[in-house]
């Protein structure tokens, strides 16, 4: 059954890897022209290469896109992780929403019914099977027109993450409606979130149909 899901969804799921970050937290090893997503931090391969391989287990390679800035475009190209026409380059990093919107427009031109999995290029995920099963659950909700995001159970108070406040539980396998998003807090607020127990770290991984995210952008971010 698990393999059948992988086979069935390959035809309409696209991957977008956000690789435009500056990598400031890893300075001085990570620099603007060589940010952490291009570094081999966890293994002997760059974090971007690891992310592409992770997505390749559920997404056809020609449907995986990488979006970054012109400053590191050539460095990404040299890694040969995606086809050249799947490397999207922004003149400068603006924000996550703009990168997602740009990618969604490009995907819609090819497949207006596509489902879009958005992942940062700098994550380390050790248990790929758990990751894939979580994406499978999210996929079913995305097909119903929901915008799906993935949270991580916090293990400490941390100022470096945004937080998701969860609300009403939808089904038994830990899918919730989101009550609110919290910006990166100070340490006192982060401790309060952890104590309250209804917040998750915002992973920055999203899953939705292209038409749904573009409709949401049109409604809530019309100027963008």
N, C-alpha and C. Protein backbone atom coordinates (compact mmCIF):
# COMPACT_ATOMS: atom_id res chain seq x y z
N UNK A 1 0.83 -1.21 0.00
CA UNK A 1 0.00 0.00 0.00
C UNK A 1 0.86 1.25 0.00
N UNK A 2 1.92 1.22 0.79
CA UNK A 2 2.81 2.38 0.86
C UNK A 2 3.45 2.66 -0.49
N UNK A 3 3.96 1.59 -1.15
CA UNK A 3 4.58 1.77 -2.46
C UNK A 3 3.56 2.21 -3.50
N UNK A 4 2.33 1.73 -3.37
CA UNK A 4 1.29 2.16 -4.31
C UNK A 4 1.06 3.65 -4.22
N UNK A 5 1.07 4.20 -2.98
CA UNK A 5 0.88 5.64 -2.83
C UNK A 5 1.99 6.40 -3.55
N UNK A 6 3.22 5.94 -3.40
CA UNK A 6 4.34 6.59 -4.06
C UNK A 6 4.14 6.57 -5.57
N UNK A 7 3.73 5.43 -6.12
CA UNK A 7 3.51 5.31 -7.57
C UNK A 7 2.41 6.26 -8.03
N UNK A 8 1.33 6.31 -7.29
CA UNK A 8 0.17 7.09 -7.71
C UNK A 8 0.43 8.59 -7.68
N UNK A 9 1.19 9.05 -6.72
CA UNK A 9 1.35 10.49 -6.57
C UNK A 9 2.50 11.06 -7.38
N UNK A 10 3.34 10.22 -7.95
CA UNK A 10 4.46 10.73 -8.73
C UNK A 10 3.99 11.59 -9.91
N UNK A 11 2.82 11.31 -10.44
CA UNK A 11 2.38 11.99 -11.65
C UNK A 11 1.96 13.43 -11.41
N UNK A 12 1.57 13.80 -10.20
CA UNK A 12 1.06 15.16 -10.01
C UNK A 12 1.72 15.93 -8.88
N UNK A 13 2.73 15.36 -8.23
CA UNK A 13 3.37 16.08 -7.13
C UNK A 13 4.71 16.65 -7.60
N UNK A 14 4.92 17.92 -7.28
CA UNK A 14 6.15 18.64 -7.65
C UNK A 14 6.86 19.04 -6.36
N UNK A 15 8.16 19.08 -6.42
CA UNK A 15 8.94 19.51 -5.27
C UNK A 15 9.58 20.86 -5.52
N UNK A 16 9.53 21.73 -4.53
CA UNK A 16 10.20 23.03 -4.60
C UNK A 16 11.11 23.14 -3.39
N UNK A 17 12.39 23.28 -3.65
CA UNK A 17 13.39 23.38 -2.58
C UNK A 17 13.83 24.83 -2.47
N UNK A 18 13.63 25.41 -1.30
CA UNK A 18 14.01 26.80 -1.06
C UNK A 18 15.48 26.85 -0.67
N UNK A 19 16.29 27.42 -1.54
CA UNK A 19 17.74 27.41 -1.32
C UNK A 19 18.34 28.82 -1.37
N UNK A 20 17.54 29.81 -1.01
CA UNK A 20 18.01 31.18 -1.11
C UNK A 20 18.52 31.79 0.18
N UNK A 21 18.57 31.00 1.26
CA UNK A 21 19.00 31.55 2.55
C UNK A 21 20.46 31.97 2.55
N UNK A 22 20.78 32.92 3.41
CA UNK A 22 22.14 33.45 3.49
C UNK A 22 23.05 32.63 4.39
N UNK A 23 22.48 31.77 5.20
CA UNK A 23 23.30 30.93 6.05
C UNK A 23 24.05 31.68 7.13
N UNK A 24 23.46 32.75 7.64
CA UNK A 24 24.17 33.62 8.59
C UNK A 24 24.49 32.93 9.91
N UNK A 25 23.69 31.94 10.30
CA UNK A 25 23.92 31.29 11.60
C UNK A 25 25.19 30.44 11.61
N UNK A 26 25.69 30.07 10.45
CA UNK A 26 26.90 29.25 10.38
C UNK A 26 28.15 30.06 10.01
N UNK A 27 28.02 31.37 10.05
CA UNK A 27 29.19 32.21 9.78
C UNK A 27 30.26 31.93 10.84
N UNK A 28 31.55 31.88 10.50
CA UNK A 28 32.17 32.29 9.24
C UNK A 28 32.31 31.18 8.19
N UNK A 29 31.99 29.94 8.56
CA UNK A 29 32.11 28.87 7.56
C UNK A 29 31.11 29.09 6.44
N UNK A 30 29.94 29.54 6.79
CA UNK A 30 28.90 29.81 5.80
C UNK A 30 28.91 31.29 5.45
N UNK A 31 29.02 31.59 4.16
CA UNK A 31 29.05 32.98 3.70
C UNK A 31 27.96 33.19 2.65
N UNK A 32 27.70 34.43 2.31
CA UNK A 32 26.63 34.74 1.35
C UNK A 32 26.84 34.01 0.03
N UNK A 33 28.07 33.88 -0.41
CA UNK A 33 28.35 33.21 -1.67
C UNK A 33 28.48 31.70 -1.51
N UNK A 34 28.49 31.22 -0.28
CA UNK A 34 28.59 29.79 -0.02
C UNK A 34 27.83 29.45 1.26
N UNK A 35 26.51 29.65 1.24
CA UNK A 35 25.70 29.47 2.46
C UNK A 35 25.58 28.01 2.86
N UNK A 36 24.98 27.78 4.03
CA UNK A 36 25.02 26.44 4.63
C UNK A 36 24.38 25.37 3.77
N UNK A 37 23.38 25.72 2.95
CA UNK A 37 22.73 24.71 2.13
C UNK A 37 23.68 24.13 1.08
N UNK A 38 24.80 24.81 0.82
CA UNK A 38 25.78 24.31 -0.14
C UNK A 38 26.95 23.62 0.55
N UNK A 39 26.90 23.56 1.87
CA UNK A 39 28.00 22.97 2.63
C UNK A 39 27.69 21.52 3.03
N UNK A 40 28.74 20.73 3.18
CA UNK A 40 28.60 19.36 3.68
C UNK A 40 28.74 19.42 5.20
N UNK A 41 27.61 19.53 5.88
CA UNK A 41 27.61 19.71 7.34
C UNK A 41 27.31 18.40 8.06
N UNK A 42 26.33 17.66 7.56
CA UNK A 42 25.89 16.43 8.22
C UNK A 42 26.61 15.21 7.66
N UNK A 43 26.93 15.24 6.36
CA UNK A 43 27.58 14.11 5.70
C UNK A 43 28.64 14.65 4.75
N UNK A 44 29.05 13.82 3.80
CA UNK A 44 30.04 14.29 2.82
C UNK A 44 29.39 14.94 1.61
N UNK A 45 28.08 15.14 1.68
CA UNK A 45 27.36 15.83 0.61
C UNK A 45 26.73 17.10 1.15
N UNK A 46 26.47 18.04 0.25
CA UNK A 46 25.85 19.29 0.68
C UNK A 46 24.43 19.02 1.16
N UNK A 47 23.92 19.91 1.97
CA UNK A 47 22.56 19.77 2.48
C UNK A 47 21.54 19.84 1.34
N UNK A 48 21.85 20.64 0.32
CA UNK A 48 20.95 20.70 -0.84
C UNK A 48 20.90 19.36 -1.57
N UNK A 49 22.04 18.72 -1.74
CA UNK A 49 22.06 17.41 -2.39
C UNK A 49 21.25 16.39 -1.58
N UNK A 50 21.37 16.44 -0.26
CA UNK A 50 20.62 15.51 0.57
C UNK A 50 19.11 15.75 0.45
N UNK A 51 18.72 17.02 0.34
CA UNK A 51 17.30 17.34 0.22
C UNK A 51 16.73 16.85 -1.10
N UNK A 52 17.49 17.02 -2.17
CA UNK A 52 17.03 16.53 -3.48
C UNK A 52 16.87 15.01 -3.45
N UNK A 53 17.82 14.32 -2.85
CA UNK A 53 17.72 12.86 -2.78
C UNK A 53 16.50 12.44 -1.95
N UNK A 54 16.23 13.15 -0.86
CA UNK A 54 15.08 12.83 0.00
C UNK A 54 13.78 12.95 -0.80
N UNK A 55 13.64 14.01 -1.58
CA UNK A 55 12.41 14.22 -2.35
C UNK A 55 12.32 13.27 -3.54
N UNK A 56 13.46 12.82 -4.03
CA UNK A 56 13.47 11.94 -5.21
C UNK A 56 12.80 10.60 -4.94
N UNK A 57 12.62 10.24 -3.68
CA UNK A 57 11.98 8.97 -3.37
C UNK A 57 10.47 9.03 -3.57
N UNK A 58 9.90 10.24 -3.71
CA UNK A 58 8.46 10.35 -3.97
C UNK A 58 8.12 11.24 -5.16
N UNK A 59 9.12 11.93 -5.70
CA UNK A 59 8.86 12.89 -6.78
C UNK A 59 9.81 12.60 -7.94
N UNK A 60 9.27 12.58 -9.14
CA UNK A 60 10.10 12.39 -10.32
C UNK A 60 11.14 13.52 -10.40
N UNK A 61 12.35 13.17 -10.78
CA UNK A 61 13.45 14.13 -10.74
C UNK A 61 13.17 15.37 -11.57
N UNK A 62 12.53 15.20 -12.71
CA UNK A 62 12.28 16.36 -13.58
C UNK A 62 11.20 17.28 -13.03
N UNK A 63 10.58 16.86 -11.90
CA UNK A 63 9.56 17.71 -11.26
C UNK A 63 10.04 18.29 -9.94
N UNK A 64 11.35 18.24 -9.73
CA UNK A 64 11.94 18.86 -8.55
C UNK A 64 12.62 20.16 -8.97
N UNK A 65 12.24 21.25 -8.31
CA UNK A 65 12.80 22.56 -8.61
C UNK A 65 13.60 23.07 -7.42
N UNK A 66 14.61 23.86 -7.72
CA UNK A 66 15.38 24.55 -6.69
C UNK A 66 15.29 26.04 -6.98
N UNK A 67 14.96 26.82 -5.97
CA UNK A 67 14.90 28.27 -6.14
C UNK A 67 15.90 28.93 -5.21
N UNK A 68 16.75 29.78 -5.79
CA UNK A 68 17.76 30.50 -5.02
C UNK A 68 17.95 31.88 -5.62
N UNK A 69 19.04 32.52 -5.28
CA UNK A 69 19.32 33.85 -5.80
C UNK A 69 20.44 33.79 -6.84
N UNK A 70 20.55 34.85 -7.62
CA UNK A 70 21.59 34.90 -8.65
C UNK A 70 22.99 34.82 -8.03
N UNK A 71 23.10 35.22 -6.76
CA UNK A 71 24.41 35.22 -6.09
C UNK A 71 24.99 33.81 -5.99
N UNK A 72 24.13 32.81 -5.84
CA UNK A 72 24.62 31.43 -5.70
C UNK A 72 24.12 30.53 -6.85
N UNK A 73 23.57 31.14 -7.87
CA UNK A 73 23.01 30.34 -8.97
C UNK A 73 24.04 29.41 -9.59
N UNK A 74 25.23 29.93 -9.86
CA UNK A 74 26.25 29.12 -10.51
C UNK A 74 26.73 28.00 -9.60
N UNK A 75 26.82 28.26 -8.31
CA UNK A 75 27.25 27.23 -7.36
C UNK A 75 26.23 26.09 -7.32
N UNK A 76 24.94 26.44 -7.35
CA UNK A 76 23.89 25.41 -7.37
C UNK A 76 23.97 24.63 -8.68
N UNK A 77 24.18 25.35 -9.77
CA UNK A 77 24.24 24.69 -11.08
C UNK A 77 25.38 23.67 -11.13
N UNK A 78 26.50 24.01 -10.50
CA UNK A 78 27.66 23.12 -10.52
C UNK A 78 27.40 21.81 -9.77
N UNK A 79 26.47 21.82 -8.83
CA UNK A 79 26.14 20.59 -8.10
C UNK A 79 25.35 19.60 -8.96
N UNK A 80 24.72 20.12 -10.03
CA UNK A 80 23.95 19.27 -10.97
C UNK A 80 22.88 18.44 -10.25
N UNK A 81 22.19 19.07 -9.30
CA UNK A 81 21.18 18.35 -8.54
C UNK A 81 19.82 18.34 -9.26
N UNK A 82 19.57 19.35 -10.11
CA UNK A 82 18.33 19.39 -10.88
C UNK A 82 18.66 19.82 -12.30
N UNK A 83 17.71 19.61 -13.20
CA UNK A 83 17.87 20.08 -14.56
C UNK A 83 17.99 21.60 -14.57
N UNK A 84 18.76 22.13 -15.51
CA UNK A 84 18.99 23.58 -15.55
C UNK A 84 17.69 24.38 -15.64
N UNK A 85 16.72 23.85 -16.38
CA UNK A 85 15.46 24.59 -16.50
C UNK A 85 14.60 24.51 -15.25
N UNK A 86 15.00 23.71 -14.27
CA UNK A 86 14.30 23.62 -12.99
C UNK A 86 15.01 24.39 -11.89
N UNK A 87 16.02 25.16 -12.26
CA UNK A 87 16.70 26.03 -11.32
C UNK A 87 16.14 27.44 -11.51
N UNK A 88 15.38 27.90 -10.53
CA UNK A 88 14.78 29.23 -10.59
C UNK A 88 15.65 30.19 -9.80
N UNK A 89 15.91 31.35 -10.40
CA UNK A 89 16.83 32.29 -9.78
C UNK A 89 16.14 33.64 -9.59
N UNK A 90 16.20 34.15 -8.36
CA UNK A 90 15.69 35.48 -8.05
C UNK A 90 16.85 36.47 -8.04
N UNK A 91 16.62 37.71 -8.44
CA UNK A 91 17.71 38.70 -8.42
C UNK A 91 18.24 38.95 -7.01
N UNK A 92 17.38 38.79 -6.01
CA UNK A 92 17.79 38.88 -4.61
C UNK A 92 16.72 38.21 -3.77
N UNK A 93 17.12 37.73 -2.59
CA UNK A 93 16.16 37.07 -1.72
C UNK A 93 15.17 38.07 -1.16
N UNK A 94 13.89 37.77 -1.26
CA UNK A 94 12.86 38.67 -0.76
C UNK A 94 12.19 38.05 0.48
N UNK A 95 11.44 37.01 0.25
CA UNK A 95 10.87 36.28 1.38
C UNK A 95 10.34 34.94 0.89
N UNK A 96 9.96 34.10 1.83
CA UNK A 96 9.51 32.75 1.48
C UNK A 96 8.25 32.78 0.62
N UNK A 97 7.31 33.66 0.97
CA UNK A 97 6.05 33.71 0.23
C UNK A 97 6.26 34.04 -1.24
N UNK A 98 7.16 34.96 -1.51
CA UNK A 98 7.41 35.34 -2.90
C UNK A 98 8.06 34.20 -3.67
N UNK A 99 9.00 33.51 -3.04
CA UNK A 99 9.64 32.37 -3.70
C UNK A 99 8.62 31.27 -3.99
N UNK A 100 7.72 31.04 -3.04
CA UNK A 100 6.68 30.02 -3.24
C UNK A 100 5.73 30.43 -4.36
N UNK A 101 5.32 31.70 -4.36
CA UNK A 101 4.42 32.17 -5.40
C UNK A 101 5.04 32.08 -6.78
N UNK A 102 6.29 32.47 -6.89
CA UNK A 102 7.02 32.40 -8.16
C UNK A 102 7.07 30.95 -8.65
N UNK A 103 7.42 30.04 -7.76
CA UNK A 103 7.50 28.63 -8.13
C UNK A 103 6.13 28.09 -8.53
N UNK A 104 5.09 28.49 -7.80
CA UNK A 104 3.74 28.00 -8.09
C UNK A 104 3.28 28.43 -9.48
N UNK A 105 3.60 29.65 -9.85
CA UNK A 105 3.23 30.13 -11.19
C UNK A 105 3.92 29.30 -12.27
N UNK A 106 5.20 29.00 -12.04
CA UNK A 106 5.95 28.19 -13.01
C UNK A 106 5.34 26.78 -13.13
N UNK A 107 4.99 26.18 -11.99
CA UNK A 107 4.41 24.84 -12.01
C UNK A 107 3.04 24.85 -12.68
N UNK A 108 2.23 25.86 -12.40
CA UNK A 108 0.88 25.93 -12.96
C UNK A 108 0.90 25.94 -14.49
N UNK A 109 1.92 26.54 -15.07
CA UNK A 109 2.02 26.56 -16.53
C UNK A 109 2.14 25.16 -17.11
N UNK A 110 2.72 24.26 -16.31
CA UNK A 110 2.91 22.88 -16.76
C UNK A 110 1.75 21.98 -16.35
N UNK A 111 1.23 22.20 -15.14
CA UNK A 111 0.17 21.33 -14.61
C UNK A 111 -0.66 22.11 -13.61
N UNK A 112 -1.84 22.53 -14.03
CA UNK A 112 -2.69 23.36 -13.17
C UNK A 112 -3.28 22.58 -12.00
N UNK A 113 -3.22 21.25 -12.05
CA UNK A 113 -3.76 20.41 -10.97
C UNK A 113 -2.65 19.88 -10.06
N UNK A 114 -1.46 20.41 -10.19
CA UNK A 114 -0.32 19.89 -9.44
C UNK A 114 -0.43 20.12 -7.94
N UNK A 115 0.15 19.20 -7.19
CA UNK A 115 0.35 19.36 -5.75
C UNK A 115 1.82 19.74 -5.55
N UNK A 116 2.04 20.67 -4.65
CA UNK A 116 3.37 21.28 -4.51
C UNK A 116 3.90 21.04 -3.10
N UNK A 117 5.02 20.35 -3.00
CA UNK A 117 5.69 20.12 -1.72
C UNK A 117 6.87 21.08 -1.62
N UNK A 118 6.83 21.94 -0.62
CA UNK A 118 7.87 22.96 -0.43
C UNK A 118 8.75 22.55 0.75
N UNK A 119 10.07 22.52 0.53
CA UNK A 119 11.01 22.13 1.59
C UNK A 119 12.21 23.08 1.60
N UNK A 120 12.67 23.50 2.77
CA UNK A 120 13.94 24.21 2.84
C UNK A 120 15.09 23.30 2.45
N UNK A 121 16.18 23.90 2.00
CA UNK A 121 17.33 23.12 1.54
C UNK A 121 18.29 22.76 2.66
N UNK A 122 17.99 23.19 3.89
CA UNK A 122 19.00 23.05 4.96
C UNK A 122 18.49 22.23 6.14
N UNK A 123 17.62 21.26 5.86
CA UNK A 123 17.15 20.38 6.93
C UNK A 123 17.92 19.08 6.97
N UNK A 124 18.06 18.54 8.16
CA UNK A 124 18.61 17.20 8.32
C UNK A 124 17.50 16.31 8.86
N UNK A 125 17.08 15.34 8.05
CA UNK A 125 16.01 14.42 8.43
C UNK A 125 16.57 13.01 8.37
N UNK A 126 16.68 12.37 9.53
CA UNK A 126 17.41 11.11 9.60
C UNK A 126 16.55 9.89 9.25
N UNK A 127 15.25 9.96 9.53
CA UNK A 127 14.39 8.80 9.30
C UNK A 127 13.49 9.09 8.11
N UNK A 128 13.92 8.68 6.93
CA UNK A 128 13.21 9.04 5.71
C UNK A 128 11.83 8.41 5.65
N UNK A 129 11.69 7.19 6.19
CA UNK A 129 10.39 6.52 6.13
C UNK A 129 9.34 7.32 6.90
N UNK A 130 9.69 7.82 8.08
CA UNK A 130 8.76 8.64 8.86
C UNK A 130 8.39 9.90 8.10
N UNK A 131 9.38 10.51 7.46
CA UNK A 131 9.13 11.71 6.67
C UNK A 131 8.13 11.43 5.56
N UNK A 132 8.33 10.33 4.85
CA UNK A 132 7.45 10.00 3.74
C UNK A 132 6.03 9.70 4.21
N UNK A 133 5.91 9.01 5.32
CA UNK A 133 4.58 8.71 5.85
C UNK A 133 3.85 9.98 6.28
N UNK A 134 4.60 10.93 6.83
CA UNK A 134 4.00 12.20 7.21
C UNK A 134 3.53 12.97 5.98
N UNK A 135 4.33 12.95 4.93
CA UNK A 135 3.94 13.62 3.68
C UNK A 135 2.69 12.95 3.11
N UNK A 136 2.61 11.63 3.21
CA UNK A 136 1.43 10.91 2.71
C UNK A 136 0.16 11.41 3.40
N UNK A 137 0.22 11.57 4.72
CA UNK A 137 -0.95 12.07 5.45
C UNK A 137 -1.32 13.47 4.98
N UNK A 138 -0.32 14.33 4.84
CA UNK A 138 -0.57 15.69 4.39
C UNK A 138 -1.12 15.75 2.99
N UNK A 139 -0.67 14.84 2.16
CA UNK A 139 -1.11 14.81 0.76
C UNK A 139 -2.62 14.62 0.66
N UNK A 140 -3.17 13.74 1.47
CA UNK A 140 -4.61 13.49 1.43
C UNK A 140 -5.39 14.75 1.79
N UNK A 141 -4.86 15.54 2.72
CA UNK A 141 -5.54 16.78 3.10
C UNK A 141 -5.36 17.86 2.04
N UNK A 142 -4.20 17.89 1.41
CA UNK A 142 -3.96 18.88 0.35
C UNK A 142 -4.91 18.66 -0.81
N UNK A 143 -5.21 17.42 -1.13
CA UNK A 143 -6.11 17.12 -2.24
C UNK A 143 -7.52 17.66 -1.99
N UNK A 144 -7.85 17.90 -0.73
CA UNK A 144 -9.18 18.43 -0.38
C UNK A 144 -9.21 19.95 -0.36
N UNK A 145 -8.12 20.58 -0.78
CA UNK A 145 -8.08 22.03 -0.84
C UNK A 145 -7.48 22.70 0.37
N UNK A 146 -6.89 21.92 1.28
CA UNK A 146 -6.28 22.49 2.48
C UNK A 146 -4.84 22.91 2.22
N UNK A 147 -4.40 23.96 2.92
CA UNK A 147 -3.00 24.35 2.92
C UNK A 147 -2.36 23.67 4.13
N UNK A 148 -1.41 22.79 3.88
CA UNK A 148 -0.84 21.94 4.93
C UNK A 148 0.57 22.40 5.27
N UNK A 149 0.83 22.54 6.56
CA UNK A 149 2.19 22.78 7.02
C UNK A 149 2.56 21.71 8.05
N UNK A 150 3.84 21.54 8.26
CA UNK A 150 4.32 20.46 9.13
C UNK A 150 5.07 21.06 10.32
N UNK A 151 4.65 20.64 11.51
CA UNK A 151 5.28 21.12 12.72
C UNK A 151 6.16 20.06 13.34
N UNK A 152 7.11 20.53 14.15
CA UNK A 152 8.04 19.64 14.86
C UNK A 152 7.84 19.83 16.35
N UNK A 153 7.70 18.73 17.08
CA UNK A 153 7.54 18.82 18.53
C UNK A 153 8.80 19.44 19.14
N UNK A 154 8.68 20.57 19.82
CA UNK A 154 9.89 21.22 20.37
C UNK A 154 10.49 20.42 21.52
N UNK A 155 11.80 20.42 21.57
CA UNK A 155 12.51 19.70 22.63
C UNK A 155 13.18 20.65 23.61
N UNK A 156 13.09 21.95 23.34
CA UNK A 156 13.70 22.97 24.22
C UNK A 156 13.09 24.33 23.83
N UNK A 157 13.14 25.30 24.71
CA UNK A 157 12.77 26.66 24.31
C UNK A 157 13.84 27.20 23.38
N UNK A 158 13.45 27.75 22.26
CA UNK A 158 14.42 28.18 21.26
C UNK A 158 13.94 29.45 20.57
N UNK A 159 14.82 30.44 20.50
CA UNK A 159 14.49 31.71 19.87
C UNK A 159 14.66 31.66 18.34
N UNK A 160 15.23 30.58 17.84
CA UNK A 160 15.57 30.52 16.43
C UNK A 160 14.46 30.01 15.53
N UNK A 161 13.34 29.58 16.11
CA UNK A 161 12.25 29.02 15.31
C UNK A 161 10.97 29.84 15.46
N UNK A 162 10.19 29.86 14.37
CA UNK A 162 8.81 30.30 14.51
C UNK A 162 8.00 29.17 15.11
N UNK A 163 6.84 29.48 15.67
CA UNK A 163 6.01 28.48 16.35
C UNK A 163 4.62 28.45 15.73
N UNK A 164 4.03 27.27 15.74
CA UNK A 164 2.66 27.05 15.29
C UNK A 164 1.81 26.74 16.52
N UNK A 165 0.76 27.51 16.73
CA UNK A 165 -0.19 27.21 17.79
C UNK A 165 -1.29 26.35 17.20
N UNK A 166 -1.44 25.14 17.72
CA UNK A 166 -2.41 24.21 17.15
C UNK A 166 -3.76 24.37 17.84
N UNK A 167 -4.81 24.07 17.06
CA UNK A 167 -6.16 24.21 17.58
C UNK A 167 -6.89 22.89 17.57
N UNK A 168 -8.04 22.87 16.97
CA UNK A 168 -8.91 21.70 16.96
C UNK A 168 -8.27 20.53 16.23
N UNK A 169 -8.29 19.35 16.84
CA UNK A 169 -7.76 18.16 16.18
C UNK A 169 -8.77 17.67 15.16
N UNK A 170 -8.29 17.35 13.96
CA UNK A 170 -9.19 16.94 12.89
C UNK A 170 -9.40 15.43 12.87
N UNK A 171 -8.29 14.68 12.90
CA UNK A 171 -8.39 13.23 12.86
C UNK A 171 -7.39 12.64 13.84
N UNK A 172 -7.38 11.34 13.96
CA UNK A 172 -6.59 10.70 15.00
C UNK A 172 -5.09 10.75 14.75
N UNK A 173 -4.68 10.85 13.51
CA UNK A 173 -3.24 10.77 13.24
C UNK A 173 -2.57 12.14 13.23
N UNK A 174 -2.93 12.97 14.21
CA UNK A 174 -2.20 14.19 14.52
C UNK A 174 -2.24 15.23 13.40
N UNK A 175 -3.38 15.42 12.82
CA UNK A 175 -3.59 16.52 11.89
C UNK A 175 -4.49 17.53 12.59
N UNK A 176 -4.03 18.75 12.71
CA UNK A 176 -4.74 19.79 13.45
C UNK A 176 -5.04 20.99 12.57
N UNK A 177 -6.08 21.71 12.95
CA UNK A 177 -6.24 23.05 12.41
C UNK A 177 -5.26 23.95 13.13
N UNK A 178 -4.75 24.94 12.41
CA UNK A 178 -3.80 25.88 13.00
C UNK A 178 -4.57 27.06 13.58
N UNK A 179 -4.28 27.35 14.83
CA UNK A 179 -4.93 28.50 15.47
C UNK A 179 -4.19 29.79 15.14
N UNK A 180 -2.86 29.75 15.16
CA UNK A 180 -2.08 30.95 14.84
C UNK A 180 -0.62 30.59 14.59
N UNK A 181 0.07 31.47 13.91
CA UNK A 181 1.51 31.38 13.74
C UNK A 181 2.16 32.40 14.66
N UNK A 182 3.24 32.02 15.30
CA UNK A 182 3.97 32.90 16.20
C UNK A 182 5.35 33.19 15.61
N UNK A 183 5.74 34.45 15.60
CA UNK A 183 7.07 34.79 15.12
C UNK A 183 8.13 34.26 16.09
N UNK A 184 9.37 34.31 15.67
CA UNK A 184 10.46 33.84 16.53
C UNK A 184 10.43 34.65 17.84
N UNK A 185 10.27 33.96 18.97
CA UNK A 185 10.05 34.65 20.25
C UNK A 185 11.36 34.92 20.99
N UNK A 186 11.27 35.73 22.03
CA UNK A 186 12.40 35.80 22.96
C UNK A 186 12.38 34.55 23.84
N UNK A 187 13.42 34.33 24.59
CA UNK A 187 13.56 33.07 25.31
C UNK A 187 12.47 32.90 26.36
N UNK A 188 12.04 33.99 26.98
CA UNK A 188 10.98 33.91 27.99
C UNK A 188 9.67 33.43 27.36
N UNK A 189 9.35 33.98 26.20
CA UNK A 189 8.12 33.58 25.51
C UNK A 189 8.24 32.14 25.02
N UNK A 190 9.42 31.76 24.54
CA UNK A 190 9.63 30.39 24.07
C UNK A 190 9.41 29.39 25.21
N UNK A 191 9.86 29.73 26.42
CA UNK A 191 9.64 28.86 27.57
C UNK A 191 8.15 28.73 27.87
N UNK A 192 7.43 29.83 27.73
CA UNK A 192 5.98 29.81 27.98
C UNK A 192 5.27 28.93 26.95
N UNK A 193 5.71 29.00 25.69
CA UNK A 193 5.13 28.14 24.65
C UNK A 193 5.34 26.67 25.01
N UNK A 194 6.55 26.35 25.42
CA UNK A 194 6.89 24.96 25.73
C UNK A 194 6.06 24.45 26.91
N UNK A 195 5.88 25.30 27.90
CA UNK A 195 5.12 24.92 29.08
C UNK A 195 3.65 24.72 28.74
N UNK A 196 3.12 25.54 27.87
CA UNK A 196 1.70 25.45 27.52
C UNK A 196 1.41 24.16 26.76
N UNK A 197 2.36 23.74 25.93
CA UNK A 197 2.25 22.43 25.29
C UNK A 197 1.39 22.35 24.04
N UNK A 198 0.92 23.47 23.52
CA UNK A 198 0.09 23.43 22.31
C UNK A 198 0.75 24.12 21.13
N UNK A 199 2.08 24.21 21.16
CA UNK A 199 2.80 24.82 20.06
C UNK A 199 3.85 23.86 19.50
N UNK A 200 4.11 24.01 18.22
CA UNK A 200 5.12 23.22 17.51
C UNK A 200 6.10 24.17 16.84
N UNK A 201 7.32 23.71 16.64
CA UNK A 201 8.23 24.48 15.80
C UNK A 201 7.71 24.46 14.37
N UNK A 202 7.80 25.58 13.71
CA UNK A 202 7.41 25.66 12.30
C UNK A 202 8.55 25.13 11.44
N UNK A 203 8.33 24.00 10.80
CA UNK A 203 9.40 23.35 10.03
C UNK A 203 9.72 24.08 8.72
N UNK A 204 8.78 24.86 8.22
CA UNK A 204 8.98 25.48 6.91
C UNK A 204 8.70 24.54 5.76
N UNK A 205 8.11 23.38 6.05
CA UNK A 205 7.72 22.41 5.01
C UNK A 205 6.21 22.56 4.79
N UNK A 206 5.83 22.71 3.54
CA UNK A 206 4.42 22.95 3.20
C UNK A 206 3.99 22.04 2.06
N UNK A 207 2.67 21.79 2.01
CA UNK A 207 2.12 20.93 0.96
C UNK A 207 0.73 21.47 0.60
N UNK A 208 0.50 21.68 -0.70
CA UNK A 208 -0.79 22.20 -1.15
C UNK A 208 -0.91 22.06 -2.65
N UNK A 209 -2.13 22.20 -3.13
CA UNK A 209 -2.33 22.27 -4.57
C UNK A 209 -1.90 23.67 -5.03
N UNK A 210 -1.31 23.72 -6.22
CA UNK A 210 -0.83 24.99 -6.75
C UNK A 210 -1.96 26.02 -6.82
N UNK A 211 -3.12 25.59 -7.28
CA UNK A 211 -4.22 26.54 -7.44
C UNK A 211 -4.69 27.08 -6.10
N UNK A 212 -4.56 26.30 -5.03
CA UNK A 212 -5.02 26.76 -3.72
C UNK A 212 -4.07 27.80 -3.13
N UNK A 213 -2.77 27.59 -3.27
CA UNK A 213 -1.84 28.57 -2.71
C UNK A 213 -1.88 29.86 -3.51
N UNK A 214 -2.06 29.78 -4.82
CA UNK A 214 -2.15 31.00 -5.60
C UNK A 214 -3.43 31.76 -5.30
N UNK A 215 -4.51 31.06 -5.05
CA UNK A 215 -5.76 31.71 -4.65
C UNK A 215 -5.59 32.41 -3.30
N UNK A 216 -4.88 31.75 -2.38
CA UNK A 216 -4.65 32.34 -1.06
C UNK A 216 -3.78 33.59 -1.17
N UNK A 217 -2.76 33.54 -2.02
CA UNK A 217 -1.90 34.70 -2.22
C UNK A 217 -2.71 35.86 -2.81
N UNK A 218 -3.55 35.54 -3.78
CA UNK A 218 -4.38 36.57 -4.41
C UNK A 218 -5.31 37.22 -3.38
N UNK A 219 -5.83 36.42 -2.45
CA UNK A 219 -6.77 36.92 -1.45
C UNK A 219 -6.08 37.68 -0.33
N UNK A 220 -4.98 37.12 0.20
CA UNK A 220 -4.38 37.67 1.41
C UNK A 220 -3.15 38.53 1.14
N UNK A 221 -2.50 38.35 -0.01
CA UNK A 221 -1.31 39.14 -0.36
C UNK A 221 -1.46 39.69 -1.77
N UNK A 222 -2.51 40.45 -2.04
CA UNK A 222 -2.78 40.88 -3.42
C UNK A 222 -1.66 41.73 -4.03
N UNK A 223 -0.98 42.52 -3.22
CA UNK A 223 0.09 43.35 -3.76
C UNK A 223 1.26 42.52 -4.25
N UNK A 224 1.50 41.37 -3.60
CA UNK A 224 2.61 40.51 -4.01
C UNK A 224 2.35 39.89 -5.38
